[in-house]
């Protein structure tokens, strides 16, 4: 029984993702995919950029705990190395939310 509990606990932790795996991900929605390709992907698929990799749920977890309103505000205003607007002039607040949700999920 202890072994079964141990295996169940392993599944609760997000798995690691490589930059190559991260770079292969894209939103299913064509419009969001275009916005992601021309803005977010530039930093969120490069290890060491300071940005959490797309699909790296473990790296996104502490950020998501701040709440979506804070993450969108950081994106709009810029925060640390995050450029204001996330280099996306065409993004709306709803777009930012959808892109953050996409990037923060484990594939």
PDB file of N, CA and C in Angstrom:
ATOM      1  N   UNK A   1       0.822  -1.183   0.000  1.00  0.00           N
ATOM      2  CA  UNK A   1       0.000   0.000   0.000  1.00  0.00           C
ATOM      3  C   UNK A   1       0.871   1.253   0.000  1.00  0.00           C
ATOM      4  N   UNK A   2       1.961   1.247   0.736  1.00  0.00           N
ATOM      5  CA  UNK A   2       2.866   2.398   0.764  1.00  0.00           C
ATOM      6  C   UNK A   2       3.436   2.669  -0.618  1.00  0.00           C
ATOM      7  N   UNK A   3       3.734   1.595  -1.360  1.00  0.00           N
ATOM      8  CA  UNK A   3       4.263   1.769  -2.713  1.00  0.00           C
ATOM      9  C   UNK A   3       3.221   2.421  -3.612  1.00  0.00           C
ATOM     10  N   UNK A   4       1.972   2.012  -3.460  1.00  0.00           N
ATOM     11  CA  UNK A   4       0.905   2.599  -4.268  1.00  0.00           C
ATOM     12  C   UNK A   4       0.735   4.077  -3.938  1.00  0.00           C
ATOM     13  N   UNK A   5       0.809   4.418  -2.660  1.00  0.00           N
ATOM     14  CA  UNK A   5       0.706   5.828  -2.273  1.00  0.00           C
ATOM     15  C   UNK A   5       1.875   6.619  -2.825  1.00  0.00           C
ATOM     16  N   UNK A   6       3.057   6.041  -2.812  1.00  0.00           N
ATOM     17  CA  UNK A   6       4.238   6.707  -3.353  1.00  0.00           C
ATOM     18  C   UNK A   6       4.098   6.974  -4.838  1.00  0.00           C
ATOM     19  N   UNK A   7       3.567   5.990  -5.573  1.00  0.00           N
ATOM     20  CA  UNK A   7       3.375   6.169  -7.013  1.00  0.00           C
ATOM     21  C   UNK A   7       2.310   7.222  -7.283  1.00  0.00           C
ATOM     22  N   UNK A   8       1.264   7.232  -6.490  1.00  0.00           N
ATOM     23  CA  UNK A   8       0.216   8.241  -6.672  1.00  0.00           C
ATOM     24  C   UNK A   8       0.772   9.630  -6.423  1.00  0.00           C
ATOM     25  N   UNK A   9       1.635   9.756  -5.431  1.00  0.00           N
ATOM     26  CA  UNK A   9       2.221  11.064  -5.130  1.00  0.00           C
ATOM     27  C   UNK A   9       3.114  11.531  -6.261  1.00  0.00           C
ATOM     28  N   UNK A  10       3.799  10.597  -6.921  1.00  0.00           N
ATOM     29  CA  UNK A  10       4.667  10.968  -8.049  1.00  0.00           C
ATOM     30  C   UNK A  10       3.869  11.619  -9.165  1.00  0.00           C
ATOM     31  N   UNK A  11       2.673  11.123  -9.407  1.00  0.00           N
ATOM     32  CA  UNK A  11       1.846  11.676 -10.470  1.00  0.00           C
ATOM     33  C   UNK A  11       1.342  13.072 -10.158  1.00  0.00           C
ATOM     34  N   UNK A  12       1.402  13.472  -8.908  1.00  0.00           N
ATOM     35  CA  UNK A  12       0.893  14.780  -8.516  1.00  0.00           C
ATOM     36  C   UNK A  12       1.854  15.910  -8.856  1.00  0.00           C
ATOM     37  N   UNK A  13       3.110  15.573  -9.090  1.00  0.00           N
ATOM     38  CA  UNK A  13       4.114  16.589  -9.376  1.00  0.00           C
ATOM     39  C   UNK A  13       4.262  16.751 -10.887  1.00  0.00           C
ATOM     40  N   UNK A  14       4.264  17.981 -11.368  1.00  0.00           N
ATOM     41  CA  UNK A  14       4.452  18.194 -12.808  1.00  0.00           C
ATOM     42  C   UNK A  14       5.806  17.648 -13.255  1.00  0.00           C
ATOM     43  N   UNK A  15       5.833  17.124 -14.469  1.00  0.00           N
ATOM     44  CA  UNK A  15       7.091  16.605 -15.006  1.00  0.00           C
ATOM     45  C   UNK A  15       7.910  17.734 -15.611  1.00  0.00           C
ATOM     46  N   UNK A  16       9.205  17.509 -15.694  1.00  0.00           N
ATOM     47  CA  UNK A  16      10.102  18.508 -16.295  1.00  0.00           C
ATOM     48  C   UNK A  16       9.876  18.546 -17.804  1.00  0.00           C
ATOM     49  N   UNK A  17      10.150  19.676 -18.392  1.00  0.00           N
ATOM     50  CA  UNK A  17      10.012  19.837 -19.841  1.00  0.00           C
ATOM     51  C   UNK A  17      11.307  20.435 -20.381  1.00  0.00           C
ATOM     52  N   UNK A  18      11.706  20.004 -21.544  1.00  0.00           N
ATOM     53  CA  UNK A  18      12.920  20.536 -22.157  1.00  0.00           C
ATOM     54  C   UNK A  18      12.566  21.755 -23.012  1.00  0.00           C
ATOM     55  N   UNK A  19      13.545  22.605 -23.301  1.00  0.00           N
ATOM     56  CA  UNK A  19      13.274  23.732 -24.197  1.00  0.00           C
ATOM     57  C   UNK A  19      12.755  23.271 -25.562  1.00  0.00           C
ATOM     58  N   UNK A  20      13.245  22.133 -26.037  1.00  0.00           N
ATOM     59  CA  UNK A  20      12.785  21.614 -27.335  1.00  0.00           C
ATOM     60  C   UNK A  20      11.314  21.216 -27.273  1.00  0.00           C
ATOM     61  N   UNK A  21      10.920  20.560 -26.188  1.00  0.00           N
ATOM     62  CA  UNK A  21       9.515  20.199 -26.016  1.00  0.00           C
ATOM     63  C   UNK A  21       8.662  21.454 -25.880  1.00  0.00           C
ATOM     64  N   UNK A  22       9.152  22.411 -25.144  1.00  0.00           N
ATOM     65  CA  UNK A  22       8.439  23.663 -24.951  1.00  0.00           C
ATOM     66  C   UNK A  22       8.222  24.375 -26.286  1.00  0.00           C
ATOM     67  N   UNK A  23       9.263  24.411 -27.102  1.00  0.00           N
ATOM     68  CA  UNK A  23       9.190  25.105 -28.397  1.00  0.00           C
ATOM     69  C   UNK A  23       8.204  24.449 -29.354  1.00  0.00           C
ATOM     70  N   UNK A  24       7.905  23.166 -29.143  1.00  0.00           N
ATOM     71  CA  UNK A  24       6.983  22.448 -30.031  1.00  0.00           C
ATOM     72  C   UNK A  24       5.516  22.702 -29.682  1.00  0.00           C
ATOM     73  N   UNK A  25       5.258  23.341 -28.558  1.00  0.00           N
ATOM     74  CA  UNK A  25       3.882  23.581 -28.115  1.00  0.00           C
ATOM     75  C   UNK A  25       3.310  24.844 -28.757  1.00  0.00           C
ATOM     76  N   UNK A  26       2.002  24.831 -28.979  1.00  0.00           N
ATOM     77  CA  UNK A  26       1.306  26.006 -29.514  1.00  0.00           C
ATOM     78  C   UNK A  26      -0.157  25.923 -29.105  1.00  0.00           C
ATOM     79  N   UNK A  27      -0.787  27.059 -28.867  1.00  0.00           N
ATOM     80  CA  UNK A  27      -2.223  27.038 -28.553  1.00  0.00           C
ATOM     81  C   UNK A  27      -3.022  26.452 -29.711  1.00  0.00           C
ATOM     82  N   UNK A  28      -4.112  25.768 -29.393  1.00  0.00           N
ATOM     83  CA  UNK A  28      -4.968  25.173 -30.423  1.00  0.00           C
ATOM     84  C   UNK A  28      -5.692  26.250 -31.230  1.00  0.00           C
ATOM     85  N   UNK A  29      -6.053  27.344 -30.585  1.00  0.00           N
ATOM     86  CA  UNK A  29      -6.751  28.432 -31.253  1.00  0.00           C
ATOM     87  C   UNK A  29      -5.783  29.151 -32.204  1.00  0.00           C
ATOM     88  N   UNK A  30      -6.169  29.295 -33.462  1.00  0.00           N
ATOM     89  CA  UNK A  30      -5.281  29.871 -34.481  1.00  0.00           C
ATOM     90  C   UNK A  30      -4.862  31.307 -34.148  1.00  0.00           C
ATOM     91  N   UNK A  31      -5.791  32.127 -33.684  1.00  0.00           N
ATOM     92  CA  UNK A  31      -5.447  33.517 -33.355  1.00  0.00           C
ATOM     93  C   UNK A  31      -4.461  33.568 -32.199  1.00  0.00           C
ATOM     94  N   UNK A  32      -4.747  32.823 -31.120  1.00  0.00           N
ATOM     95  CA  UNK A  32      -3.828  32.792 -29.982  1.00  0.00           C
ATOM     96  C   UNK A  32      -2.479  32.220 -30.382  1.00  0.00           C
ATOM     97  N   UNK A  33      -2.496  31.227 -31.247  1.00  0.00           N
ATOM     98  CA  UNK A  33      -1.247  30.639 -31.708  1.00  0.00           C
ATOM     99  C   UNK A  33      -0.392  31.679 -32.424  1.00  0.00           C
ATOM    100  N   UNK A  34      -1.024  32.503 -33.234  1.00  0.00           N
ATOM    101  CA  UNK A  34      -0.295  33.567 -33.923  1.00  0.00           C
ATOM    102  C   UNK A  34       0.282  34.585 -32.959  1.00  0.00           C
ATOM    103  N   UNK A  35      -0.506  34.979 -31.965  1.00  0.00           N
ATOM    104  CA  UNK A  35      -0.026  35.931 -30.952  1.00  0.00           C
ATOM    105  C   UNK A  35       1.133  35.315 -30.168  1.00  0.00           C
ATOM    106  N   UNK A  36       0.993  34.053 -29.797  1.00  0.00           N
ATOM    107  CA  UNK A  36       2.037  33.347 -29.046  1.00  0.00           C
ATOM    108  C   UNK A  36       3.333  33.282 -29.851  1.00  0.00           C
ATOM    109  N   UNK A  37       3.226  32.933 -31.128  1.00  0.00           N
ATOM    110  CA  UNK A  37       4.403  32.784 -31.998  1.00  0.00           C
ATOM    111  C   UNK A  37       5.174  34.096 -32.155  1.00  0.00           C
ATOM    112  N   UNK A  38       4.445  35.211 -32.203  1.00  0.00           N
ATOM    113  CA  UNK A  38       5.109  36.489 -32.456  1.00  0.00           C
ATOM    114  C   UNK A  38       5.496  37.249 -31.194  1.00  0.00           C
ATOM    115  N   UNK A  39       5.110  36.725 -30.030  1.00  0.00           N
ATOM    116  CA  UNK A  39       5.471  37.436 -28.803  1.00  0.00           C
ATOM    117  C   UNK A  39       5.987  36.504 -27.720  1.00  0.00           C
ATOM    118  N   UNK A  40       5.142  35.746 -27.102  1.00  0.00           N
ATOM    119  CA  UNK A  40       5.505  34.938 -25.926  1.00  0.00           C
ATOM    120  C   UNK A  40       6.611  33.927 -26.188  1.00  0.00           C
ATOM    121  N   UNK A  41       6.530  33.258 -27.323  1.00  0.00           N
ATOM    122  CA  UNK A  41       7.449  32.158 -27.626  1.00  0.00           C
ATOM    123  C   UNK A  41       8.908  32.614 -27.637  1.00  0.00           C
ATOM    124  N   UNK A  42       9.134  33.873 -27.949  1.00  0.00           N
ATOM    125  CA  UNK A  42      10.490  34.411 -28.019  1.00  0.00           C
ATOM    126  C   UNK A  42      11.280  34.146 -26.746  1.00  0.00           C
ATOM    127  N   UNK A  43      10.661  34.311 -25.593  1.00  0.00           N
ATOM    128  CA  UNK A  43      11.355  34.122 -24.306  1.00  0.00           C
ATOM    129  C   UNK A  43      10.946  32.849 -23.575  1.00  0.00           C
ATOM    130  N   UNK A  44       9.692  32.443 -23.734  1.00  0.00           N
ATOM    131  CA  UNK A  44       9.164  31.342 -22.930  1.00  0.00           C
ATOM    132  C   UNK A  44       9.512  29.952 -23.448  1.00  0.00           C
ATOM    133  N   UNK A  45      10.441  29.865 -24.386  1.00  0.00           N
ATOM    134  CA  UNK A  45      10.945  28.562 -24.838  1.00  0.00           C
ATOM    135  C   UNK A  45      12.469  28.497 -24.752  1.00  0.00           C
ATOM    136  N   UNK A  46      13.063  29.479 -24.116  1.00  0.00           N
ATOM    137  CA  UNK A  46      14.520  29.543 -24.001  1.00  0.00           C
ATOM    138  C   UNK A  46      14.918  29.399 -22.532  1.00  0.00           C
ATOM    139  N   UNK A  47      15.576  28.291 -22.224  1.00  0.00           N
ATOM    140  CA  UNK A  47      16.054  28.078 -20.855  1.00  0.00           C
ATOM    141  C   UNK A  47      17.060  29.173 -20.519  1.00  0.00           C
ATOM    142  N   UNK A  48      16.990  29.676 -19.312  1.00  0.00           N
ATOM    143  CA  UNK A  48      17.924  30.705 -18.874  1.00  0.00           C
ATOM    144  C   UNK A  48      17.508  32.116 -19.227  1.00  0.00           C
ATOM    145  N   UNK A  49      16.370  32.282 -19.889  1.00  0.00           N
ATOM    146  CA  UNK A  49      15.910  33.634 -20.240  1.00  0.00           C
ATOM    147  C   UNK A  49      15.312  34.352 -19.030  1.00  0.00           C
ATOM    148  N   UNK A  50      15.031  33.595 -17.990  1.00  0.00           N
ATOM    149  CA  UNK A  50      14.357  34.159 -16.822  1.00  0.00           C
ATOM    150  C   UNK A  50      12.850  33.956 -16.884  1.00  0.00           C
ATOM    151  N   UNK A  51      12.348  33.644 -18.060  1.00  0.00           N
ATOM    152  CA  UNK A  51      10.920  33.390 -18.231  1.00  0.00           C
ATOM    153  C   UNK A  51      10.657  31.898 -18.018  1.00  0.00           C
ATOM    154  N   UNK A  52       9.553  31.557 -17.350  1.00  0.00           N
ATOM    155  CA  UNK A  52       9.245  30.131 -17.204  1.00  0.00           C
ATOM    156  C   UNK A  52       8.913  29.530 -18.567  1.00  0.00           C
ATOM    157  N   UNK A  53       9.427  28.333 -18.814  1.00  0.00           N
ATOM    158  CA  UNK A  53       9.168  27.684 -20.090  1.00  0.00           C
ATOM    159  C   UNK A  53       7.685  27.363 -20.255  1.00  0.00           C
ATOM    160  N   UNK A  54       7.201  27.499 -21.458  1.00  0.00           N
ATOM    161  CA  UNK A  54       5.849  27.071 -21.781  1.00  0.00           C
ATOM    162  C   UNK A  54       5.765  25.574 -21.494  1.00  0.00           C
ATOM    163  N   UNK A  55       4.742  25.179 -20.763  1.00  0.00           N
ATOM    164  CA  UNK A  55       4.545  23.774 -20.434  1.00  0.00           C
ATOM    165  C   UNK A  55       5.245  23.314 -19.169  1.00  0.00           C
ATOM    166  N   UNK A  56       6.019  24.195 -18.534  1.00  0.00           N
ATOM    167  CA  UNK A  56       6.714  23.840 -17.298  1.00  0.00           C
ATOM    168  C   UNK A  56       5.837  24.253 -16.111  1.00  0.00           C
ATOM    169  N   UNK A  57       4.865  23.402 -15.806  1.00  0.00           N
ATOM    170  CA  UNK A  57       3.895  23.713 -14.754  1.00  0.00           C
ATOM    171  C   UNK A  57       4.570  23.969 -13.414  1.00  0.00           C
ATOM    172  N   UNK A  58       5.669  23.287 -13.161  1.00  0.00           N
ATOM    173  CA  UNK A  58       6.385  23.468 -11.881  1.00  0.00           C
ATOM    174  C   UNK A  58       6.918  24.895 -11.769  1.00  0.00           C
ATOM    175  N   UNK A  59       7.487  25.428 -12.843  1.00  0.00           N
ATOM    176  CA  UNK A  59       8.018  26.797 -12.826  1.00  0.00           C
ATOM    177  C   UNK A  59       6.892  27.831 -12.764  1.00  0.00           C
ATOM    178  N   UNK A  60       5.758  27.518 -13.347  1.00  0.00           N
ATOM    179  CA  UNK A  60       4.626  28.443 -13.359  1.00  0.00           C
ATOM    180  C   UNK A  60       3.852  28.440 -12.045  1.00  0.00           C
ATOM    181  N   UNK A  61       3.938  27.349 -11.285  1.00  0.00           N
ATOM    182  CA  UNK A  61       3.128  27.202 -10.079  1.00  0.00           C
ATOM    183  C   UNK A  61       3.220  28.393  -9.119  1.00  0.00           C
ATOM    184  N   UNK A  62       4.414  28.841  -8.723  1.00  0.00           N
ATOM    185  CA  UNK A  62       4.454  29.986  -7.798  1.00  0.00           C
ATOM    186  C   UNK A  62       3.905  31.270  -8.419  1.00  0.00           C
ATOM    187  N   UNK A  63       4.041  31.404  -9.706  1.00  0.00           N
ATOM    188  CA  UNK A  63       3.500  32.587 -10.371  1.00  0.00           C
ATOM    189  C   UNK A  63       1.978  32.539 -10.383  1.00  0.00           C
ATOM    190  N   UNK A  64       1.424  31.366 -10.691  1.00  0.00           N
ATOM    191  CA  UNK A  64      -0.028  31.217 -10.739  1.00  0.00           C
ATOM    192  C   UNK A  64      -0.656  31.456  -9.368  1.00  0.00           C
ATOM    193  N   UNK A  65       0.070  31.159  -8.315  1.00  0.00           N
ATOM    194  CA  UNK A  65      -0.441  31.395  -6.957  1.00  0.00           C
ATOM    195  C   UNK A  65      -0.638  32.883  -6.679  1.00  0.00           C
ATOM    196  N   UNK A  66       0.010  33.743  -7.455  1.00  0.00           N
ATOM    197  CA  UNK A  66      -0.160  35.190  -7.286  1.00  0.00           C
ATOM    198  C   UNK A  66      -1.533  35.646  -7.777  1.00  0.00           C
ATOM    199  N   UNK A  67      -2.162  34.849  -8.611  1.00  0.00           N
ATOM    200  CA  UNK A  67      -3.469  35.179  -9.163  1.00  0.00           C
ATOM    201  C   UNK A  67      -3.361  35.747 -10.564  1.00  0.00           C
ATOM    202  N   UNK A  68      -4.383  35.490 -11.341  1.00  0.00           N
ATOM    203  CA  UNK A  68      -4.383  35.909 -12.742  1.00  0.00           C
ATOM    204  C   UNK A  68      -4.324  37.427 -12.879  1.00  0.00           C
ATOM    205  N   UNK A  69      -5.012  38.154 -12.020  1.00  0.00           N
ATOM    206  CA  UNK A  69      -5.001  39.620 -12.116  1.00  0.00           C
ATOM    207  C   UNK A  69      -3.577  40.160 -11.984  1.00  0.00           C
ATOM    208  N   UNK A  70      -2.800  39.596 -11.066  1.00  0.00           N
ATOM    209  CA  UNK A  70      -1.418  40.032 -10.880  1.00  0.00           C
ATOM    210  C   UNK A  70      -0.571  39.669 -12.098  1.00  0.00           C
ATOM    211  N   UNK A  71      -0.755  38.471 -12.624  1.00  0.00           N
ATOM    212  CA  UNK A  71       0.035  38.049 -13.790  1.00  0.00           C
ATOM    213  C   UNK A  71      -0.282  38.905 -15.018  1.00  0.00           C
ATOM    214  N   UNK A  72      -1.549  39.206 -15.219  1.00  0.00           N
ATOM    215  CA  UNK A  72      -1.915  40.070 -16.350  1.00  0.00           C
ATOM    216  C   UNK A  72      -1.346  41.475 -16.132  1.00  0.00           C
ATOM    217  N   UNK A  73      -1.417  41.980 -14.920  1.00  0.00           N
ATOM    218  CA  UNK A  73      -0.847  43.311 -14.636  1.00  0.00           C
ATOM    219  C   UNK A  73       0.656  43.316 -14.893  1.00  0.00           C
ATOM    220  N   UNK A  74       1.351  42.262 -14.482  1.00  0.00           N
ATOM    221  CA  UNK A  74       2.790  42.166 -14.749  1.00  0.00           C
ATOM    222  C   UNK A  74       3.065  42.143 -16.248  1.00  0.00           C
ATOM    223  N   UNK A  75       2.202  41.482 -16.986  1.00  0.00           N
ATOM    224  CA  UNK A  75       2.374  41.416 -18.436  1.00  0.00           C
ATOM    225  C   UNK A  75       2.129  42.775 -19.078  1.00  0.00           C
ATOM    226  N   UNK A  76       1.066  43.422 -18.681  1.00  0.00           N
ATOM    227  CA  UNK A  76       0.700  44.714 -19.269  1.00  0.00           C
ATOM    228  C   UNK A  76       1.722  45.793 -18.909  1.00  0.00           C
ATOM    229  N   UNK A  77       2.112  45.848 -17.640  1.00  0.00           N
ATOM    230  CA  UNK A  77       2.993  46.908 -17.155  1.00  0.00           C
ATOM    231  C   UNK A  77       4.478  46.574 -17.311  1.00  0.00           C
ATOM    232  N   UNK A  78       4.771  45.287 -17.447  1.00  0.00           N
ATOM    233  CA  UNK A  78       6.163  44.841 -17.432  1.00  0.00           C
ATOM    234  C   UNK A  78       6.565  44.534 -16.005  1.00  0.00           C
ATOM    235  N   UNK A  79       7.401  43.534 -15.835  1.00  0.00           N
ATOM    236  CA  UNK A  79       7.822  43.135 -14.500  1.00  0.00           C
ATOM    237  C   UNK A  79       9.145  42.405 -14.616  1.00  0.00           C
ATOM    238  N   UNK A  80      10.153  42.913 -13.908  1.00  0.00           N
ATOM    239  CA  UNK A  80      11.514  42.369 -14.000  1.00  0.00           C
ATOM    240  C   UNK A  80      11.914  42.343 -15.475  1.00  0.00           C
ATOM    241  N   UNK A  81      12.257  41.179 -16.030  1.00  0.00           N
ATOM    242  CA  UNK A  81      12.696  41.119 -17.436  1.00  0.00           C
ATOM    243  C   UNK A  81      11.527  41.067 -18.422  1.00  0.00           C
ATOM    244  N   UNK A  82      10.290  40.959 -17.910  1.00  0.00           N
ATOM    245  CA  UNK A  82       9.120  40.898 -18.782  1.00  0.00           C
ATOM    246  C   UNK A  82       8.858  42.283 -19.353  1.00  0.00           C
ATOM    247  N   UNK A  83       8.924  42.411 -20.683  1.00  0.00           N
ATOM    248  CA  UNK A  83       8.674  43.729 -21.276  1.00  0.00           C
ATOM    249  C   UNK A  83       7.195  44.110 -21.162  1.00  0.00           C
ATOM    250  N   UNK A  84       6.934  45.385 -21.030  1.00  0.00           N
ATOM    251  CA  UNK A  84       5.549  45.864 -20.962  1.00  0.00           C
ATOM    252  C   UNK A  84       4.787  45.391 -22.190  1.00  0.00           C
ATOM    253  N   UNK A  85       3.618  44.854 -21.945  1.00  0.00           N
ATOM    254  CA  UNK A  85       2.794  44.355 -23.046  1.00  0.00           C
ATOM    255  C   UNK A  85       3.237  43.004 -23.571  1.00  0.00           C
ATOM    256  N   UNK A  86       4.298  42.465 -23.014  1.00  0.00           N
ATOM    257  CA  UNK A  86       4.776  41.165 -23.481  1.00  0.00           C
ATOM    258  C   UNK A  86       5.124  41.148 -24.954  1.00  0.00           C
ATOM    259  N   UNK A  87       5.474  42.295 -25.493  1.00  0.00           N
ATOM    260  CA  UNK A  87       5.794  42.462 -26.915  1.00  0.00           C
ATOM    261  C   UNK A  87       4.613  42.103 -27.812  1.00  0.00           C
ATOM    262  N   UNK A  88       3.397  42.288 -27.282  1.00  0.00           N
ATOM    263  CA  UNK A  88       2.198  41.953 -28.050  1.00  0.00           C
ATOM    264  C   UNK A  88       1.271  43.160 -28.095  1.00  0.00           C
ATOM    265  N   UNK A  89       1.395  43.963 -29.133  1.00  0.00           N
ATOM    266  CA  UNK A  89       0.572  45.161 -29.277  1.00  0.00           C
ATOM    267  C   UNK A  89      -0.890  44.821 -29.564  1.00  0.00           C
ATOM    268  N   UNK A  90      -1.153  43.644 -30.118  1.00  0.00           N
ATOM    269  CA  UNK A  90      -2.511  43.258 -30.483  1.00  0.00           C
ATOM    270  C   UNK A  90      -3.252  42.506 -29.381  1.00  0.00           C
ATOM    271  N   UNK A  91      -2.574  42.187 -28.275  1.00  0.00           N
ATOM    272  CA  UNK A  91      -3.188  41.391 -27.208  1.00  0.00           C
ATOM    273  C   UNK A  91      -4.136  42.206 -26.341  1.00  0.00           C
ATOM    274  N   UNK A  92      -5.253  41.569 -26.008  1.00  0.00           N
ATOM    275  CA  UNK A  92      -6.205  42.122 -25.042  1.00  0.00           C
ATOM    276  C   UNK A  92      -5.950  41.453 -23.697  1.00  0.00           C
ATOM    277  N   UNK A  93      -6.592  41.937 -22.656  1.00  0.00           N
ATOM    278  CA  UNK A  93      -6.467  41.300 -21.338  1.00  0.00           C
ATOM    279  C   UNK A  93      -6.911  39.839 -21.410  1.00  0.00           C
ATOM    280  N   UNK A  94      -7.967  39.572 -22.165  1.00  0.00           N
ATOM    281  CA  UNK A  94      -8.442  38.185 -22.320  1.00  0.00           C
ATOM    282  C   UNK A  94      -7.402  37.330 -23.046  1.00  0.00           C
ATOM    283  N   UNK A  95      -6.732  37.917 -24.031  1.00  0.00           N
ATOM    284  CA  UNK A  95      -5.659  37.193 -24.727  1.00  0.00           C
ATOM    285  C   UNK A  95      -4.531  36.849 -23.761  1.00  0.00           C
ATOM    286  N   UNK A  96      -4.127  37.829 -22.950  1.00  0.00           N
ATOM    287  CA  UNK A  96      -3.059  37.577 -21.979  1.00  0.00           C
ATOM    288  C   UNK A  96      -3.451  36.441 -21.047  1.00  0.00           C
ATOM    289  N   UNK A  97      -4.682  36.470 -20.554  1.00  0.00           N
ATOM    290  CA  UNK A  97      -5.142  35.402 -19.663  1.00  0.00           C
ATOM    291  C   UNK A  97      -5.074  34.048 -20.352  1.00  0.00           C
ATOM    292  N   UNK A  98      -5.587  33.962 -21.563  1.00  0.00           N
ATOM    293  CA  UNK A  98      -5.584  32.697 -22.297  1.00  0.00           C
ATOM    294  C   UNK A  98      -4.163  32.225 -22.572  1.00  0.00           C
ATOM    295  N   UNK A  99      -3.266  33.139 -22.904  1.00  0.00           N
ATOM    296  CA  UNK A  99      -1.876  32.765 -23.170  1.00  0.00           C
ATOM    297  C   UNK A  99      -1.170  32.311 -21.895  1.00  0.00           C
ATOM    298  N   UNK A 100      -1.431  32.972 -20.791  1.00  0.00           N
ATOM    299  CA  UNK A 100      -0.841  32.561 -19.511  1.00  0.00           C
ATOM    300  C   UNK A 100      -1.332  31.168 -19.134  1.00  0.00           C
ATOM    301  N   UNK A 101      -2.625  30.930 -19.269  1.00  0.00           N
ATOM    302  CA  UNK A 101      -3.177  29.609 -18.961  1.00  0.00           C
ATOM    303  C   UNK A 101      -2.520  28.560 -19.854  1.00  0.00           C
ATOM    304  N   UNK A 102      -2.421  28.822 -21.142  1.00  0.00           N
ATOM    305  CA  UNK A 102      -1.780  27.883 -22.061  1.00  0.00           C
ATOM    306  C   UNK A 102      -0.336  27.599 -21.649  1.00  0.00           C
ATOM    307  N   UNK A 103       0.439  28.645 -21.405  1.00  0.00           N
ATOM    308  CA  UNK A 103       1.854  28.452 -21.097  1.00  0.00           C
ATOM    309  C   UNK A 103       2.076  27.753 -19.768  1.00  0.00           C
ATOM    310  N   UNK A 104       1.161  27.927 -18.834  1.00  0.00           N
ATOM    311  CA  UNK A 104       1.357  27.381 -17.490  1.00  0.00           C
ATOM    312  C   UNK A 104       0.932  25.931 -17.346  1.00  0.00           C
ATOM    313  N   UNK A 105       0.270  25.387 -18.344  1.00  0.00           N
ATOM    314  CA  UNK A 105      -0.233  24.011 -18.264  1.00  0.00           C
ATOM    315  C   UNK A 105       0.821  23.018 -18.733  1.00  0.00           C
ATOM    316  N   UNK A 106       0.826  21.869 -18.061  1.00  0.00           N
ATOM    317  CA  UNK A 106       1.664  20.755 -18.479  1.00  0.00           C
ATOM    318  C   UNK A 106       1.058  20.164 -19.748  1.00  0.00           C
ATOM    319  N   UNK A 107       1.875  19.880 -20.764  1.00  0.00           N
ATOM    320  CA  UNK A 107       1.301  19.328 -22.009  1.00  0.00           C
ATOM    321  C   UNK A 107       0.716  17.941 -21.820  1.00  0.00           C
TER     322      UNK A 107
END
